[in-house]
Protein backbone atom coordinates (compact mmCIF):
# COMPACT_ATOMS: atom_id res chain seq x y z
CA MET A 1 32.92 42.42 -30.39
CA SER A 2 35.66 45.46 -29.64
CA ASP A 3 35.25 46.77 -26.10
CA VAL A 4 34.64 50.17 -28.25
CA LEU A 5 31.67 49.12 -29.77
CA THR A 6 30.39 46.89 -26.72
CA PHE A 7 30.37 50.07 -24.49
CA THR A 8 29.18 52.50 -27.16
CA ARG A 9 26.11 49.90 -28.00
CA GLU A 10 25.32 49.90 -24.18
CA PHE A 11 25.83 53.78 -23.88
CA VAL A 12 23.05 54.19 -26.62
CA ARG A 13 21.01 52.12 -24.70
CA SER A 14 21.54 53.58 -21.44
CA PRO A 15 23.21 56.85 -21.58
CA TRP A 16 22.24 57.54 -17.46
CA THR A 17 23.82 53.97 -16.59
CA THR A 18 26.77 54.02 -18.81
CA ALA A 19 28.60 57.43 -18.26
CA SER A 20 30.47 57.67 -21.42
CA PRO A 21 30.15 56.19 -24.98
CA LEU A 22 33.87 55.36 -25.00
CA PRO A 23 35.63 53.28 -22.58
CA THR A 24 38.18 55.11 -20.18
CA SER A 25 41.41 55.17 -21.83
CA ALA A 26 44.93 53.77 -20.64
CA ALA A 27 46.25 57.20 -20.54
CA ALA A 28 43.61 58.08 -18.00
CA CYS A 29 43.76 54.68 -16.00
CA ASP A 30 47.79 55.19 -15.46
CA VAL A 31 47.06 58.57 -13.87
CA ALA A 32 44.19 56.85 -11.68
CA LEU A 33 45.88 53.74 -10.90
CA ASP A 34 49.31 55.71 -9.60
CA PRO A 35 48.16 55.48 -5.69
CA LEU A 36 48.22 51.15 -6.26
CA PRO A 37 50.96 49.97 -4.02
CA ALA A 38 53.94 48.72 -6.31
CA GLU A 39 54.62 45.97 -3.53
CA GLY A 40 52.57 43.75 -1.65
CA ASP A 41 49.07 41.97 -2.18
CA PRO A 42 46.89 45.19 -2.88
CA VAL A 43 42.88 45.00 -3.33
CA VAL A 44 41.48 47.29 -5.99
CA LEU A 45 37.81 47.65 -6.18
CA GLU A 46 36.69 48.98 -9.60
CA LEU A 47 33.45 50.86 -9.87
CA GLY A 48 32.07 51.08 -13.46
CA ALA A 49 34.11 48.38 -14.86
CA GLY A 50 32.03 48.13 -18.21
CA ALA A 51 33.01 45.10 -20.55
CA GLY A 52 36.58 45.33 -19.25
CA ALA A 53 38.76 47.81 -21.27
CA THR A 54 39.59 49.44 -17.93
CA SER A 55 39.91 45.83 -16.05
CA ALA A 56 42.53 44.55 -18.24
CA ILE A 57 44.89 47.43 -17.06
CA VAL A 58 44.26 47.01 -13.55
CA GLN A 59 45.11 43.47 -14.09
CA ARG A 60 48.12 44.55 -15.89
CA ARG A 61 48.89 46.74 -12.87
CA LEU A 62 48.52 44.03 -10.71
CA GLY A 63 50.67 41.15 -12.19
CA GLY A 64 48.94 38.47 -10.48
CA ARG A 65 49.09 39.96 -7.09
CA GLY A 66 46.24 41.02 -4.78
CA ARG A 67 42.69 41.01 -5.73
CA HIS A 68 40.57 42.59 -8.14
CA ILE A 69 36.97 43.43 -7.51
CA ALA A 70 34.96 44.97 -10.03
CA VAL A 71 31.50 46.04 -9.96
CA GLU A 72 29.27 46.87 -12.68
CA LEU A 73 25.53 47.79 -12.91
CA ASN A 74 24.90 46.76 -16.38
CA PRO A 75 24.09 42.69 -16.31
CA ARG A 76 25.28 42.81 -20.10
CA LEU A 77 28.46 44.43 -19.54
CA ALA A 78 29.25 42.60 -16.48
CA SER A 79 28.38 38.99 -18.35
CA VAL A 80 31.31 40.29 -20.85
CA LEU A 81 33.32 41.26 -18.03
CA SER A 82 33.14 37.94 -16.53
CA ARG A 83 33.89 35.85 -19.49
CA ARG A 84 36.99 38.39 -20.75
CA HIS A 85 38.70 38.50 -17.30
CA PRO A 86 37.84 35.30 -15.20
CA ASP A 87 40.53 36.41 -12.54
CA VAL A 88 38.45 39.27 -11.95
CA GLU A 89 35.38 39.08 -8.98
CA VAL A 90 32.72 40.67 -10.71
CA VAL A 91 29.95 41.97 -8.71
CA CYS A 92 26.74 43.00 -10.73
CA ASP A 93 25.16 45.71 -8.65
CA GLU A 94 24.91 49.78 -7.30
CA ALA A 95 28.06 51.02 -6.39
CA VAL A 96 26.88 51.95 -2.79
CA ASP A 97 24.77 48.55 -2.35
CA ALA A 98 28.23 46.60 -3.22
CA MET A 99 30.42 48.72 -1.16
CA ALA A 100 28.24 48.45 1.95
CA ASP A 101 28.45 44.28 1.04
CA LEU A 102 32.00 44.28 1.12
CA ALA A 103 32.22 46.40 4.30
CA ALA A 104 29.67 44.15 6.36
CA ARG A 105 31.89 41.42 5.25
CA GLY A 106 35.61 42.88 6.63
CA THR A 107 36.69 44.01 3.39
CA THR A 108 39.28 46.75 2.80
CA VAL A 109 40.73 48.01 -0.19
CA ASP A 110 43.83 50.05 -1.32
CA LEU A 111 42.18 51.74 -3.82
CA VAL A 112 38.53 52.41 -5.26
CA PHE A 113 39.10 53.25 -9.03
CA SER A 114 35.93 54.90 -9.91
CA THR A 115 34.99 55.55 -13.62
CA LEU A 116 31.45 56.27 -12.42
CA PRO A 117 29.83 59.76 -12.88
CA ILE A 118 31.49 62.34 -10.58
CA SER A 119 27.67 63.51 -9.55
CA LEU A 120 27.68 60.59 -7.44
CA ALA A 121 30.19 62.26 -5.41
CA GLU A 122 27.37 64.58 -4.16
CA ASP A 123 25.87 61.62 -2.60
CA ARG A 124 27.34 61.43 0.78
CA SER A 125 26.55 57.79 0.78
CA PHE A 126 29.08 57.11 -1.82
CA LEU A 127 31.78 58.89 -0.22
CA VAL A 128 31.25 57.46 2.98
CA ALA A 129 30.95 53.72 1.42
CA ALA A 130 34.22 54.40 -0.11
CA GLY A 131 36.05 56.14 2.65
CA ARG A 132 34.86 53.11 5.09
CA LEU A 133 36.38 50.37 2.77
CA LEU A 134 40.03 52.38 2.30
CA ALA A 135 42.62 50.56 4.04
CA PRO A 136 45.25 53.04 6.37
CA GLY A 137 47.03 54.72 3.17
CA GLY A 138 44.25 53.75 0.61
CA ALA A 139 42.62 56.34 -1.90
CA LEU A 140 39.86 56.60 -3.72
CA SER A 141 40.70 57.64 -7.62
CA GLN A 142 37.93 59.25 -9.48
CA VAL A 143 37.80 59.78 -13.52
CA GLN A 144 36.08 62.69 -14.67
CA HIS A 145 35.25 64.18 -18.27
CA SER A 146 37.51 67.38 -17.64
CA TRP A 147 34.51 69.42 -19.51
CA THR A 148 32.11 68.42 -16.57
CA ARG A 149 34.32 70.55 -13.90
CA VAL A 150 32.23 73.46 -15.21
CA LEU A 151 28.87 72.50 -14.47
CA PRO A 152 27.00 73.11 -10.50
CA TRP A 153 26.84 69.37 -9.86
CA ALA A 154 30.23 68.60 -10.43
CA LYS A 155 31.77 71.80 -8.47
CA ALA A 156 29.21 70.00 -5.52
CA ALA A 157 30.77 66.99 -6.13
CA GLU A 158 34.10 68.31 -5.77
CA ARG A 159 33.07 70.40 -2.68
CA ALA A 160 31.38 67.02 -0.98
CA LEU A 161 35.02 65.04 -2.02
CA ALA A 162 36.88 67.75 -0.10
CA GLU A 163 34.38 67.62 2.97
CA ALA A 164 34.69 63.68 3.36
CA PHE A 165 38.54 63.56 2.44
CA GLU A 166 41.33 65.37 4.28
CA GLU A 167 43.58 65.31 0.89
CA VAL A 168 41.91 65.63 -2.51
CA VAL A 169 44.23 66.28 -5.63
CA VAL A 170 43.01 66.79 -9.29
CA SER A 171 45.29 66.00 -12.18
CA ARG A 172 45.90 67.96 -15.15
CA THR A 173 43.23 67.22 -18.44
CA ILE A 174 44.35 63.96 -19.84
CA TRP A 175 44.01 64.79 -23.44
CA ARG A 176 44.93 61.01 -24.77
CA ASN A 177 41.18 60.38 -23.16
CA ALA A 178 37.98 60.67 -25.41
CA PRO A 179 36.87 63.03 -24.24
CA PRO A 180 39.55 64.72 -22.25
CA ALA A 181 39.41 63.74 -18.42
CA THR A 182 41.00 64.51 -15.31
CA VAL A 183 41.52 61.98 -12.03
CA THR A 184 40.67 63.24 -8.82
CA ILE A 185 42.41 61.24 -5.88
CA ALA A 186 41.38 61.59 -2.49
CA ARG A 187 43.03 60.17 0.60
CA ARG A 188 42.38 59.67 4.49
CA PRO A 189 38.75 60.09 4.60
CA ARG A 190 37.10 62.12 7.53
CA GLY A 191 35.62 60.47 10.26
C-alpha cells in the first residue's frame, strides 16, 4: 500500500494522533533537514515518522552514515516503518517518553526532526526533552501547516519555542507541501 493511502487511513482512524491526512512532502523535509551536518556520523531523531515517507528522505540525506532513530506512536504505522526501513531504529512510544529514555541512556542527537503537531511545543516538557538531547550545534526542526500559525495555540507554541531556545527561525511557506507548511528551526536550548 502506498505511503499516502497508509497514512490517510490512519488519519481517518485517529486524527488527533496522526497530525495530517498526508505525509510531509520532500520539499518540506529538505528545509527541515538543512541543519543536518554534511559530514561525519550525525544522529537524527525523527518524531512522528508515520509509515516512513519522511524516513526515506532522512535515509537518503544520511547516505549510510550516522544513526537514524524514528519515533512513531501508532503501532500500525511503526510496524510498516520497521518493515520498509530496516536500517532505522524504530521506537513505538510517545515522543516525550522516547526522548527521556534516550537521554537516560546518554544519547545525544544532531537533529531532532519533528512532524508532530506544533501544539506539542506548548508542552514545556516536549521542548526541554528535545533540548536535553541536542549535541552542541544541534537543532530542533519542526514542520507545521502554515495555516495553523494564526491560531492561538500555535502562537503560544511559538512563544514557548522562543523561551526555550536562543535562536528560532521560521521558513517561508513551502507551497509544495499539502497543505502548505513552514519549518521552524530552533538552536541553542536555554538552560
